[in-house]
Structure formats: structure tokens, C-alpha cells
Amino acid sequence: MKRRQLIRHLEQQGCELLREGANHSVYVNRAAGKTSTVPRHSEVNDHLARKICKDLNILAPQSQHDLASLSWRLGGQLRHTPDDTSRSILEPLNNSLPRIL
């Protein structure tokens, strides 16, 4: 995942930049009282991104790998088209649930 994407996700979840270190940026989630460091690399490993989010007590970002894995588990039933993004993920799940009248 790109570092900029991770920082955007952190800020959307309510985290703030606390300070800049020599090699890392320190982010804080004031609501949870948690801090974590983000390295200054252009790419951040997905496992590290999830660990940073866990340290800050926020939701982990969705990566392309996670979506591909979900598609594989559902038997390749996920369809993604630019016009139909909101239904593409939930459609296979909705089709497998029983209908309640």
C-alpha cells in the first residue's frame, strides 16, 4: 500500500499527525489515547499497515489483495465494473442469503 493512502486512511479515521521524527511520522488517535509510527517509505507493507491501524485502535484499510482474496473465497463471483461499484461486493452475499417475506 502506498504511504499516502495509509496516511489518508488514518486521517479519515480521526488520527492526527503528532510529530515528525528523523525516519518516521508519529500519529495519534486522541479518542483512544493510542500512538503509532509510520515509516517514511513510498510503500508500506500491508501487514505493517494493519498493525499500525491495530495500534491506533481503528479499522484496517482494505487492500487490493484483501479484495482479491474475498473474490477467490466466493468462487470468483465478485464483479467489478466502474458503473456498478456499490453492488459488486455485496451482490454474491445477498444472493446466498435466504429471503424473508
C-alpha atoms as a PDB file:
ATOM      1  CA  MET A   1       0.000   0.000   0.000  1.00  0.00           C
ATOM      2  CA  LYS A   2       1.241   3.480  -0.749  1.00  0.00           C
ATOM      3  CA  ARG A   3       2.242   5.550   2.275  1.00  0.00           C
ATOM      4  CA  ARG A   4      -0.026   8.388   1.148  1.00  0.00           C
ATOM      5  CA  GLN A   5      -3.029   6.004   1.045  1.00  0.00           C
ATOM      6  CA  LEU A   6      -2.280   4.842   4.588  1.00  0.00           C
ATOM      7  CA  ILE A   7      -1.965   8.410   5.876  1.00  0.00           C
ATOM      8  CA  ARG A   8      -5.242   9.363   4.161  1.00  0.00           C
ATOM      9  CA  HIS A   9      -6.919   6.375   5.837  1.00  0.00           C
ATOM     10  CA  LEU A  10      -5.510   7.299   9.260  1.00  0.00           C
ATOM     11  CA  GLU A  11      -6.752  10.870   8.944  1.00  0.00           C
ATOM     12  CA  GLN A  12     -10.205   9.735   7.762  1.00  0.00           C
ATOM     13  CA  GLN A  13     -10.421   7.569  10.887  1.00  0.00           C
ATOM     14  CA  GLY A  14      -9.725  10.594  13.119  1.00  0.00           C
ATOM     15  CA  CYS A  15      -5.969  10.215  13.699  1.00  0.00           C
ATOM     16  CA  GLU A  16      -3.688  13.245  13.680  1.00  0.00           C
ATOM     17  CA  LEU A  17      -0.012  13.810  12.973  1.00  0.00           C
ATOM     18  CA  LEU A  18       1.648  14.264  16.356  1.00  0.00           C
ATOM     19  CA  ARG A  19       5.223  14.898  15.233  1.00  0.00           C
ATOM     20  CA  GLU A  20       7.801  14.161  12.570  1.00  0.00           C
ATOM     21  CA  GLY A  21      10.792  12.073  13.587  1.00  0.00           C
ATOM     22  CA  ALA A  22      14.003  11.538  11.639  1.00  0.00           C
ATOM     23  CA  ASN A  23      12.757   8.380   9.899  1.00  0.00           C
ATOM     24  CA  HIS A  24       9.094   8.085  10.951  1.00  0.00           C
ATOM     25  CA  SER A  25       5.943  10.160  11.367  1.00  0.00           C
ATOM     26  CA  VAL A  26       4.103   9.696  14.649  1.00  0.00           C
ATOM     27  CA  TYR A  27       0.295   9.589  14.503  1.00  0.00           C
ATOM     28  CA  VAL A  28      -2.070   9.737  17.447  1.00  0.00           C
ATOM     29  CA  ASN A  29      -5.670   8.655  17.976  1.00  0.00           C
ATOM     30  CA  ARG A  30      -6.661  11.047  20.750  1.00  0.00           C
ATOM     31  CA  ALA A  31     -10.049   9.393  21.292  1.00  0.00           C
ATOM     32  CA  ALA A  32      -8.379   6.076  22.137  1.00  0.00           C
ATOM     33  CA  GLY A  33      -5.207   7.560  23.613  1.00  0.00           C
ATOM     34  CA  LYS A  34      -3.029   5.500  21.240  1.00  0.00           C
ATOM     35  CA  THR A  35       0.025   6.365  19.142  1.00  0.00           C
ATOM     36  CA  SER A  36       1.909   4.625  16.334  1.00  0.00           C
ATOM     37  CA  THR A  37       4.728   5.399  13.931  1.00  0.00           C
ATOM     38  CA  VAL A  38       4.508   5.376  10.134  1.00  0.00           C
ATOM     39  CA  PRO A  39       7.802   4.820   8.280  1.00  0.00           C
ATOM     40  CA  ARG A  40       8.861   7.186   5.513  1.00  0.00           C
ATOM     41  CA  HIS A  41       8.868   4.632   2.710  1.00  0.00           C
ATOM     42  CA  SER A  42       6.890   5.094  -0.501  1.00  0.00           C
ATOM     43  CA  GLU A  43       5.400   1.598   0.005  1.00  0.00           C
ATOM     44  CA  VAL A  44       4.195   0.262   3.365  1.00  0.00           C
ATOM     45  CA  ASN A  45       3.728  -3.491   3.705  1.00  0.00           C
ATOM     46  CA  ASP A  46       0.037  -4.453   4.096  1.00  0.00           C
ATOM     47  CA  HIS A  47       0.795  -6.358   7.300  1.00  0.00           C
ATOM     48  CA  LEU A  48       2.520  -3.291   8.753  1.00  0.00           C
ATOM     49  CA  ALA A  49      -0.402  -1.069   7.703  1.00  0.00           C
ATOM     50  CA  ARG A  50      -2.825  -3.375   9.547  1.00  0.00           C
ATOM     51  CA  LYS A  51      -0.516  -3.380  12.599  1.00  0.00           C
ATOM     52  CA  ILE A  52      -0.396   0.437  12.626  1.00  0.00           C
ATOM     53  CA  CYS A  53      -4.207   0.569  12.473  1.00  0.00           C
ATOM     54  CA  LYS A  54      -4.454  -2.016  15.253  1.00  0.00           C
ATOM     55  CA  ASP A  55      -2.038   0.023  17.397  1.00  0.00           C
ATOM     56  CA  LEU A  56      -4.205   3.118  16.829  1.00  0.00           C
ATOM     57  CA  ASN A  57      -7.396   1.153  17.554  1.00  0.00           C
ATOM     58  CA  ILE A  58      -9.012   1.906  14.169  1.00  0.00           C
ATOM     59  CA  LEU A  59     -10.313  -0.180  11.262  1.00  0.00           C
ATOM     60  CA  ALA A  60      -7.700  -1.597   8.907  1.00  0.00           C
ATOM     61  CA  PRO A  61      -7.749  -0.318   5.316  1.00  0.00           C
ATOM     62  CA  GLN A  62      -8.961  -2.585   2.520  1.00  0.00           C
ATOM     63  CA  SER A  63      -6.153  -3.535   0.158  1.00  0.00           C
ATOM     64  CA  GLN A  64      -6.391  -4.916  -3.362  1.00  0.00           C
ATOM     65  CA  HIS A  65      -5.035  -8.212  -2.005  1.00  0.00           C
ATOM     66  CA  ASP A  66      -7.910  -8.431   0.523  1.00  0.00           C
ATOM     67  CA  LEU A  67     -10.498  -7.873  -2.227  1.00  0.00           C
ATOM     68  CA  ALA A  68      -8.880 -10.493  -4.476  1.00  0.00           C
ATOM     69  CA  SER A  69      -8.855 -12.956  -1.589  1.00  0.00           C
ATOM     70  CA  LEU A  70     -12.547 -12.298  -0.910  1.00  0.00           C
ATOM     71  CA  SER A  71     -13.338 -12.844  -4.578  1.00  0.00           C
ATOM     72  CA  TRP A  72     -11.483 -16.166  -4.541  1.00  0.00           C
ATOM     73  CA  ARG A  73     -13.349 -17.324  -1.408  1.00  0.00           C
ATOM     74  CA  LEU A  74     -16.658 -16.514  -3.070  1.00  0.00           C
ATOM     75  CA  GLY A  75     -15.727 -18.573  -6.128  1.00  0.00           C
ATOM     76  CA  GLY A  76     -14.806 -15.611  -8.318  1.00  0.00           C
ATOM     77  CA  GLN A  77     -18.342 -14.265  -8.131  1.00  0.00           C
ATOM     78  CA  LEU A  78     -17.316 -10.688  -7.433  1.00  0.00           C
ATOM     79  CA  ARG A  79     -17.881  -8.466 -10.422  1.00  0.00           C
ATOM     80  CA  HIS A  80     -16.384  -5.021 -10.588  1.00  0.00           C
ATOM     81  CA  THR A  81     -17.436  -2.555 -13.195  1.00  0.00           C
ATOM     82  CA  PRO A  82     -16.931   1.208 -12.952  1.00  0.00           C
ATOM     83  CA  ASP A  83     -20.696   1.832 -13.110  1.00  0.00           C
ATOM     84  CA  ASP A  84     -21.648  -0.767 -10.512  1.00  0.00           C
ATOM     85  CA  THR A  85     -19.145  -0.464  -7.667  1.00  0.00           C
ATOM     86  CA  SER A  86     -21.595  -0.331  -4.760  1.00  0.00           C
ATOM     87  CA  ARG A  87     -23.337  -3.604  -5.620  1.00  0.00           C
ATOM     88  CA  SER A  88     -20.305  -5.580  -6.813  1.00  0.00           C
ATOM     89  CA  ILE A  89     -19.102  -6.632  -3.362  1.00  0.00           C
ATOM     90  CA  LEU A  90     -22.451  -7.307  -1.718  1.00  0.00           C
ATOM     91  CA  GLU A  91     -24.261  -8.979  -4.615  1.00  0.00           C
ATOM     92  CA  PRO A  92     -22.874 -12.527  -4.065  1.00  0.00           C
ATOM     93  CA  LEU A  93     -23.611 -12.249  -0.351  1.00  0.00           C
ATOM     94  CA  ASN A  94     -27.163 -11.029  -0.938  1.00  0.00           C
ATOM     95  CA  ASN A  95     -27.845 -13.848  -3.392  1.00  0.00           C
ATOM     96  CA  SER A  96     -26.736 -16.504  -0.894  1.00  0.00           C
ATOM     97  CA  LEU A  97     -28.908 -15.214   1.993  1.00  0.00           C
ATOM     98  CA  PRO A  98     -32.430 -16.622   2.435  1.00  0.00           C
ATOM     99  CA  ARG A  99     -35.273 -14.280   1.551  1.00  0.00           C
ATOM    100  CA  ILE A 100     -37.565 -13.240   4.399  1.00  0.00           C
ATOM    101  CA  LEU A 101     -41.085 -12.192   3.455  1.00  0.00           C
END
